[in-house]
Structure formats: C-alpha cells, structure tokens
C-alpha cells in the first residue's frame, strides 16, 4: 500500500545505504547506451543525449569519468507518486547537513545519490529526519 501523507512518508522512509559506488555518465551514442543498459541503475533521455547511472567500475572501464563517485540511499517507504513533501524533506535534511543530493523517483521507492565521502553522514541526517517525523 502506498503512503501519501507527508508526515507518514517521512516517518516511514527508512533510508538504506546500499553497497557499491555509482557514477552519472553522459552518453550521446545510442549503440553504446544499448550495451550499457544492463548495468545501469537508471537511464534518462535528454535532448543532448542519454544520462546513465552506472556502477563506478563499469563507468571507468568504459572510459567515463568516475572521479565523482556517489553512494545510493534507497528510501524503503512505498511513497505515492502524488505524495507531497518527501523529496523536499530529504533535500532539506541533506542541505542542513551540507550534503548535495540527486533524487531519482521510481514506482515503488525514491533513491538518493550522495557523494561517496558523505554517505554515512547523509544516512545519519535522513535517519534523524525520519525520527523527528515519527515523533510528531
């Protein structure tokens, strides 16, 4: 069952830091995109080409810059696609901690990419935000 209430979504977000490092890569060549799809976490089409979120090791092996590796935090709550405020709360918690983030929303969960060096601090900030919402 999806959660739509703002406070309930935040209180139930249960952030999970996953294993591995990820890199955002730009790929204008459709043939290369096709060969990388099986490894990609996500693919986003833009006018300029395709952005792939790839495991850092795959990105490096394919000649993409992997210097800005990110870690993935998945929010375990099954948030409603029309729910309001979860992304804002996550962004604010990470902003307050001085951590940049990139959010990818999917059907079941939201996924937050943060700089690899800030992953543990980001997880702690999101857990603190969740606890504060749960106490309301």
N, C-alpha and C. Protein backbone atom coordinates (compact mmCIF):
# COMPACT_ATOMS: atom_id res chain seq x y z
N UNK A 1 0.84 -1.18 0.00
CA UNK A 1 0.00 0.00 0.00
C UNK A 1 0.89 1.24 0.00
N UNK A 2 0.53 2.21 -0.81
CA UNK A 2 1.34 3.42 -0.89
C UNK A 2 1.00 4.38 0.25
N UNK A 3 1.98 5.16 0.62
CA UNK A 3 1.82 6.17 1.66
C UNK A 3 1.81 7.53 0.97
N UNK A 4 0.80 8.36 1.27
CA UNK A 4 0.67 9.66 0.61
C UNK A 4 0.80 10.84 1.57
N UNK A 5 0.44 10.66 2.83
CA UNK A 5 0.53 11.73 3.83
C UNK A 5 1.99 12.12 4.04
N UNK A 6 2.25 13.40 4.03
CA UNK A 6 3.63 13.90 4.12
C UNK A 6 4.37 13.38 5.35
N UNK A 7 3.81 13.60 6.52
CA UNK A 7 4.49 13.17 7.75
C UNK A 7 4.66 11.66 7.79
N UNK A 8 3.64 10.94 7.35
CA UNK A 8 3.72 9.48 7.34
C UNK A 8 4.81 8.98 6.39
N UNK A 9 4.95 9.62 5.23
CA UNK A 9 6.01 9.23 4.29
C UNK A 9 7.39 9.43 4.91
N UNK A 10 7.58 10.58 5.52
CA UNK A 10 8.89 10.89 6.11
C UNK A 10 9.17 9.95 7.29
N UNK A 11 8.14 9.71 8.11
CA UNK A 11 8.31 8.85 9.28
C UNK A 11 8.61 7.40 8.89
N UNK A 12 8.18 7.01 7.71
CA UNK A 12 8.37 5.63 7.27
C UNK A 12 9.45 5.47 6.20
N UNK A 13 10.21 6.52 5.92
CA UNK A 13 11.12 6.45 4.77
C UNK A 13 12.22 5.40 4.93
N UNK A 14 12.67 5.10 6.12
CA UNK A 14 13.66 4.06 6.41
C UNK A 14 14.78 4.02 5.36
N UNK A 15 15.67 4.99 5.40
CA UNK A 15 16.76 5.04 4.41
C UNK A 15 17.74 3.88 4.58
N UNK A 16 18.11 3.29 3.46
CA UNK A 16 19.05 2.16 3.45
C UNK A 16 20.22 2.50 2.53
N UNK A 17 21.43 2.50 3.08
CA UNK A 17 22.63 2.74 2.29
C UNK A 17 23.01 1.43 1.59
N UNK A 18 23.03 1.45 0.27
CA UNK A 18 23.33 0.23 -0.48
C UNK A 18 24.84 0.10 -0.71
N UNK A 19 25.24 -1.08 -1.11
CA UNK A 19 26.65 -1.35 -1.42
C UNK A 19 26.99 -0.77 -2.79
N UNK A 20 28.24 -0.45 -2.98
CA UNK A 20 28.72 -0.02 -4.29
C UNK A 20 28.71 1.47 -4.49
N UNK A 21 29.42 1.88 -5.53
CA UNK A 21 29.53 3.28 -5.91
C UNK A 21 28.95 3.45 -7.30
N UNK A 22 28.37 4.61 -7.54
CA UNK A 22 27.68 4.91 -8.79
C UNK A 22 28.21 6.20 -9.39
N UNK A 23 28.11 6.31 -10.72
CA UNK A 23 28.56 7.49 -11.42
C UNK A 23 27.50 7.89 -12.45
N UNK A 24 27.23 9.18 -12.53
CA UNK A 24 26.36 9.71 -13.58
C UNK A 24 27.23 9.87 -14.83
N UNK A 25 26.79 9.29 -15.94
CA UNK A 25 27.55 9.35 -17.19
C UNK A 25 26.67 9.86 -18.32
N UNK A 26 27.23 10.69 -19.16
CA UNK A 26 26.53 11.16 -20.35
C UNK A 26 27.00 10.34 -21.53
N UNK A 27 26.04 9.84 -22.30
CA UNK A 27 26.39 9.04 -23.47
C UNK A 27 25.53 9.43 -24.67
N UNK A 28 26.12 10.10 -25.67
CA UNK A 28 25.35 10.52 -26.84
C UNK A 28 25.16 9.41 -27.88
N UNK A 29 25.95 8.34 -27.80
CA UNK A 29 25.91 7.28 -28.81
C UNK A 29 24.88 6.20 -28.45
N UNK A 30 23.79 6.09 -29.21
CA UNK A 30 22.74 5.12 -28.91
C UNK A 30 23.23 3.67 -28.85
N UNK A 31 24.22 3.34 -29.66
CA UNK A 31 24.75 1.97 -29.64
C UNK A 31 25.45 1.67 -28.31
N UNK A 32 26.21 2.64 -27.82
CA UNK A 32 26.89 2.44 -26.52
C UNK A 32 25.87 2.40 -25.39
N UNK A 33 24.82 3.23 -25.49
CA UNK A 33 23.76 3.21 -24.48
C UNK A 33 23.18 1.80 -24.40
N UNK A 34 22.89 1.21 -25.55
CA UNK A 34 22.30 -0.13 -25.59
C UNK A 34 23.20 -1.17 -24.91
N UNK A 35 24.51 -1.03 -25.06
CA UNK A 35 25.42 -2.01 -24.45
C UNK A 35 25.56 -1.81 -22.95
N UNK A 36 25.22 -0.62 -22.45
CA UNK A 36 25.38 -0.32 -21.03
C UNK A 36 24.09 -0.49 -20.21
N UNK A 37 22.98 -0.65 -20.88
CA UNK A 37 21.68 -0.69 -20.20
C UNK A 37 21.58 -1.76 -19.12
N UNK A 38 22.14 -2.92 -19.34
CA UNK A 38 22.04 -3.99 -18.35
C UNK A 38 22.73 -3.64 -17.04
N UNK A 39 23.72 -2.78 -17.10
CA UNK A 39 24.45 -2.39 -15.89
C UNK A 39 23.90 -1.13 -15.23
N UNK A 40 23.07 -0.39 -15.94
CA UNK A 40 22.60 0.91 -15.46
C UNK A 40 21.54 0.79 -14.38
N UNK A 41 21.66 1.64 -13.36
CA UNK A 41 20.60 1.77 -12.37
C UNK A 41 19.42 2.50 -12.99
N UNK A 42 19.74 3.54 -13.76
CA UNK A 42 18.69 4.32 -14.42
C UNK A 42 19.24 4.92 -15.70
N UNK A 43 18.30 5.26 -16.58
CA UNK A 43 18.62 5.90 -17.84
C UNK A 43 17.63 7.03 -18.02
N UNK A 44 18.15 8.22 -18.35
CA UNK A 44 17.29 9.38 -18.56
C UNK A 44 17.64 9.98 -19.92
N UNK A 45 16.62 10.09 -20.76
CA UNK A 45 16.82 10.70 -22.08
C UNK A 45 16.66 12.21 -21.98
N UNK A 46 17.61 12.91 -22.57
CA UNK A 46 17.55 14.37 -22.66
C UNK A 46 17.79 14.75 -24.12
N UNK A 47 17.53 15.97 -24.46
CA UNK A 47 17.73 16.43 -25.82
C UNK A 47 19.18 16.19 -26.27
N UNK A 48 20.12 16.40 -25.36
CA UNK A 48 21.54 16.31 -25.69
C UNK A 48 22.04 14.87 -25.81
N UNK A 49 21.32 13.92 -25.25
CA UNK A 49 21.76 12.53 -25.25
C UNK A 49 21.18 11.82 -24.05
N UNK A 50 21.84 10.77 -23.61
CA UNK A 50 21.34 9.93 -22.53
C UNK A 50 22.26 9.99 -21.32
N UNK A 51 21.65 10.14 -20.15
CA UNK A 51 22.38 10.04 -18.89
C UNK A 51 22.14 8.64 -18.35
N UNK A 52 23.21 7.97 -18.00
CA UNK A 52 23.14 6.65 -17.37
C UNK A 52 23.75 6.75 -15.98
N UNK A 53 23.14 6.09 -15.03
CA UNK A 53 23.74 5.96 -13.70
C UNK A 53 24.32 4.56 -13.65
N UNK A 54 25.64 4.50 -13.68
CA UNK A 54 26.35 3.23 -13.80
C UNK A 54 27.19 2.93 -12.57
N UNK A 55 27.43 1.64 -12.30
CA UNK A 55 28.41 1.30 -11.27
C UNK A 55 29.75 1.97 -11.64
N UNK A 56 30.42 2.49 -10.65
CA UNK A 56 31.67 3.22 -10.91
C UNK A 56 32.67 2.38 -11.68
N UNK A 57 32.77 1.10 -11.37
CA UNK A 57 33.73 0.24 -12.06
C UNK A 57 33.37 0.06 -13.54
N UNK A 58 32.09 -0.01 -13.86
CA UNK A 58 31.64 -0.13 -15.25
C UNK A 58 31.93 1.18 -15.99
N UNK A 59 31.61 2.29 -15.34
CA UNK A 59 31.85 3.60 -15.95
C UNK A 59 33.32 3.78 -16.27
N UNK A 60 34.19 3.45 -15.33
CA UNK A 60 35.63 3.59 -15.54
C UNK A 60 36.11 2.69 -16.67
N UNK A 61 35.63 1.45 -16.70
CA UNK A 61 36.03 0.51 -17.75
C UNK A 61 35.58 0.96 -19.14
N UNK A 62 34.52 1.75 -19.20
CA UNK A 62 34.01 2.25 -20.47
C UNK A 62 34.58 3.63 -20.83
N UNK A 63 35.53 4.13 -20.03
CA UNK A 63 36.19 5.39 -20.32
C UNK A 63 35.46 6.62 -19.81
N UNK A 64 34.43 6.43 -19.00
CA UNK A 64 33.73 7.59 -18.42
C UNK A 64 34.46 8.06 -17.17
N UNK A 65 34.36 9.33 -16.89
CA UNK A 65 34.96 9.91 -15.70
C UNK A 65 34.26 9.33 -14.47
N UNK A 66 35.00 8.69 -13.61
CA UNK A 66 34.41 8.10 -12.41
C UNK A 66 34.93 8.76 -11.14
N UNK A 67 35.47 9.97 -11.28
CA UNK A 67 36.04 10.68 -10.14
C UNK A 67 34.98 11.13 -9.14
N UNK A 68 33.75 11.39 -9.60
CA UNK A 68 32.69 11.84 -8.70
C UNK A 68 31.75 10.69 -8.35
N UNK A 69 32.30 9.70 -7.69
CA UNK A 69 31.51 8.53 -7.31
C UNK A 69 30.49 8.89 -6.25
N UNK A 70 29.34 8.26 -6.35
CA UNK A 70 28.24 8.52 -5.43
C UNK A 70 27.80 7.20 -4.80
N UNK A 71 27.16 7.33 -3.65
CA UNK A 71 26.55 6.18 -3.00
C UNK A 71 25.04 6.34 -3.09
N UNK A 72 24.37 5.22 -3.05
CA UNK A 72 22.92 5.18 -3.20
C UNK A 72 22.25 4.88 -1.87
N UNK A 73 21.32 5.74 -1.50
CA UNK A 73 20.46 5.53 -0.33
C UNK A 73 19.04 5.35 -0.86
N UNK A 74 18.47 4.20 -0.59
CA UNK A 74 17.10 3.93 -1.02
C UNK A 74 16.16 4.19 0.15
N UNK A 75 15.09 4.92 -0.13
CA UNK A 75 14.06 5.17 0.89
C UNK A 75 13.06 4.03 0.77
N UNK A 76 12.96 3.23 1.81
CA UNK A 76 12.19 2.00 1.75
C UNK A 76 10.68 2.20 1.74
N UNK A 77 10.20 3.37 2.08
CA UNK A 77 8.76 3.63 2.08
C UNK A 77 8.24 3.53 0.65
N UNK A 78 7.06 2.93 0.48
CA UNK A 78 6.40 2.86 -0.82
C UNK A 78 5.55 4.11 -0.93
N UNK A 79 6.20 5.20 -1.34
CA UNK A 79 5.54 6.51 -1.38
C UNK A 79 4.68 6.64 -2.62
N UNK A 80 3.54 7.28 -2.45
CA UNK A 80 2.63 7.53 -3.56
C UNK A 80 3.27 8.52 -4.52
N UNK A 81 3.10 8.28 -5.80
CA UNK A 81 3.68 9.19 -6.80
C UNK A 81 3.10 10.59 -6.71
N UNK A 82 1.92 10.73 -6.09
CA UNK A 82 1.31 12.04 -5.91
C UNK A 82 1.53 12.60 -4.51
N UNK A 83 2.33 11.90 -3.71
CA UNK A 83 2.63 12.38 -2.37
C UNK A 83 3.44 13.66 -2.43
N UNK A 84 3.22 14.51 -1.45
CA UNK A 84 3.88 15.82 -1.43
C UNK A 84 4.80 15.92 -0.22
N UNK A 85 6.03 16.33 -0.44
CA UNK A 85 6.91 16.70 0.65
C UNK A 85 8.06 15.77 0.98
N UNK A 86 8.03 14.53 0.51
CA UNK A 86 9.12 13.62 0.85
C UNK A 86 10.44 14.10 0.25
N UNK A 87 10.45 14.41 -1.03
CA UNK A 87 11.67 14.89 -1.68
C UNK A 87 12.16 16.18 -1.04
N UNK A 88 11.23 17.06 -0.72
CA UNK A 88 11.60 18.33 -0.08
C UNK A 88 12.23 18.09 1.29
N UNK A 89 11.65 17.17 2.06
CA UNK A 89 12.20 16.87 3.39
C UNK A 89 13.60 16.27 3.30
N UNK A 90 13.79 15.37 2.34
CA UNK A 90 15.10 14.75 2.14
C UNK A 90 16.12 15.81 1.72
N UNK A 91 15.73 16.63 0.76
CA UNK A 91 16.65 17.68 0.29
C UNK A 91 16.99 18.65 1.41
N UNK A 92 16.00 19.01 2.24
CA UNK A 92 16.26 19.95 3.34
C UNK A 92 17.17 19.33 4.39
N UNK A 93 16.93 18.07 4.73
CA UNK A 93 17.78 17.40 5.72
C UNK A 93 19.22 17.34 5.24
N UNK A 94 19.41 17.06 3.97
CA UNK A 94 20.77 16.98 3.43
C UNK A 94 21.38 18.36 3.24
N UNK A 95 20.56 19.33 2.87
CA UNK A 95 21.04 20.72 2.79
C UNK A 95 21.54 21.18 4.15
N UNK A 96 20.75 20.91 5.19
CA UNK A 96 21.14 21.30 6.55
C UNK A 96 22.46 20.66 6.97
N UNK A 97 22.73 19.46 6.42
CA UNK A 97 23.98 18.76 6.73
C UNK A 97 25.11 19.14 5.76
N UNK A 98 24.81 20.02 4.80
CA UNK A 98 25.82 20.45 3.84
C UNK A 98 26.17 19.38 2.82
N UNK A 99 25.20 18.54 2.47
CA UNK A 99 25.44 17.42 1.56
C UNK A 99 24.58 17.57 0.31
N UNK A 100 25.21 17.48 -0.85
CA UNK A 100 24.45 17.54 -2.09
C UNK A 100 23.77 16.20 -2.35
N UNK A 101 22.70 16.25 -3.14
CA UNK A 101 22.00 15.01 -3.45
C UNK A 101 21.33 15.09 -4.81
N UNK A 102 21.11 13.93 -5.38
CA UNK A 102 20.37 13.78 -6.63
C UNK A 102 19.33 12.69 -6.36
N UNK A 103 18.06 13.03 -6.54
CA UNK A 103 16.98 12.10 -6.23
C UNK A 103 16.40 11.53 -7.52
N UNK A 104 16.23 10.22 -7.54
CA UNK A 104 15.58 9.53 -8.65
C UNK A 104 14.36 8.83 -8.07
N UNK A 105 13.19 9.25 -8.53
CA UNK A 105 11.96 8.63 -8.06
C UNK A 105 11.58 7.50 -9.00
N UNK A 106 11.21 6.37 -8.42
CA UNK A 106 10.73 5.24 -9.19
C UNK A 106 9.32 4.89 -8.70
N UNK A 107 8.75 3.85 -9.25
CA UNK A 107 7.37 3.50 -8.93
C UNK A 107 7.19 3.15 -7.44
N UNK A 108 8.10 2.35 -6.91
CA UNK A 108 7.96 1.90 -5.52
C UNK A 108 8.72 2.75 -4.51
N UNK A 109 9.87 3.24 -4.87
CA UNK A 109 10.73 3.93 -3.91
C UNK A 109 11.43 5.13 -4.53
N UNK A 110 11.93 5.98 -3.65
CA UNK A 110 12.79 7.08 -4.06
C UNK A 110 14.22 6.68 -3.74
N UNK A 111 15.15 7.11 -4.59
CA UNK A 111 16.55 6.75 -4.46
C UNK A 111 17.37 8.03 -4.45
N UNK A 112 18.25 8.15 -3.47
CA UNK A 112 19.02 9.38 -3.25
C UNK A 112 20.50 9.07 -3.47
N UNK A 113 21.09 9.77 -4.40
CA UNK A 113 22.52 9.62 -4.66
C UNK A 113 23.25 10.77 -3.99
N UNK A 114 24.26 10.44 -3.18
CA UNK A 114 25.04 11.43 -2.44
C UNK A 114 26.53 11.18 -2.70
N UNK A 115 27.37 12.20 -2.55
CA UNK A 115 28.80 11.98 -2.73
C UNK A 115 29.29 10.84 -1.82
N UNK A 116 30.14 10.01 -2.38
CA UNK A 116 30.64 8.84 -1.66
C UNK A 116 31.22 9.20 -0.30
N UNK A 117 31.93 10.31 -0.23
CA UNK A 117 32.58 10.71 1.02
C UNK A 117 31.58 11.15 2.08
N UNK A 118 30.35 11.49 1.67
CA UNK A 118 29.33 11.97 2.61
C UNK A 118 28.25 10.93 2.92
N UNK A 119 28.42 9.72 2.44
CA UNK A 119 27.35 8.72 2.53
C UNK A 119 26.89 8.44 3.96
N UNK A 120 27.81 8.22 4.88
CA UNK A 120 27.41 7.90 6.26
C UNK A 120 26.75 9.09 6.93
N UNK A 121 27.27 10.28 6.69
CA UNK A 121 26.65 11.49 7.26
C UNK A 121 25.27 11.72 6.66
N UNK A 122 25.11 11.44 5.37
CA UNK A 122 23.80 11.59 4.72
C UNK A 122 22.80 10.61 5.31
N UNK A 123 23.22 9.37 5.50
CA UNK A 123 22.33 8.37 6.10
C UNK A 123 21.90 8.82 7.49
N UNK A 124 22.84 9.31 8.29
CA UNK A 124 22.52 9.78 9.64
C UNK A 124 21.55 10.96 9.60
N UNK A 125 21.74 11.88 8.67
CA UNK A 125 20.84 13.04 8.55
C UNK A 125 19.43 12.60 8.18
N UNK A 126 19.31 11.64 7.29
CA UNK A 126 17.99 11.14 6.89
C UNK A 126 17.33 10.35 8.01
N UNK A 127 18.11 9.60 8.76
CA UNK A 127 17.56 8.88 9.90
C UNK A 127 17.06 9.84 10.96
N UNK A 128 17.79 10.93 11.19
CA UNK A 128 17.36 11.97 12.13
C UNK A 128 16.07 12.60 11.67
N UNK A 129 15.96 12.89 10.39
CA UNK A 129 14.73 13.47 9.83
C UNK A 129 13.55 12.51 10.00
N UNK A 130 13.79 11.23 9.75
CA UNK A 130 12.75 10.22 9.92
C UNK A 130 12.29 10.16 11.37
N UNK A 131 13.21 10.14 12.29
CA UNK A 131 12.88 10.07 13.72
C UNK A 131 12.06 11.27 14.14
N UNK A 132 12.44 12.46 13.69
CA UNK A 132 11.69 13.67 14.03
C UNK A 132 10.25 13.59 13.52
N UNK A 133 10.06 13.07 12.32
CA UNK A 133 8.70 12.93 11.78
C UNK A 133 7.90 11.89 12.54
N UNK A 134 8.57 10.82 12.95
CA UNK A 134 7.89 9.75 13.67
C UNK A 134 7.42 10.21 15.06
N UNK A 135 8.09 11.21 15.62
CA UNK A 135 7.74 11.70 16.94
C UNK A 135 6.64 12.77 16.92
N UNK A 136 6.18 13.13 15.72
CA UNK A 136 5.12 14.14 15.61
C UNK A 136 3.76 13.53 15.91
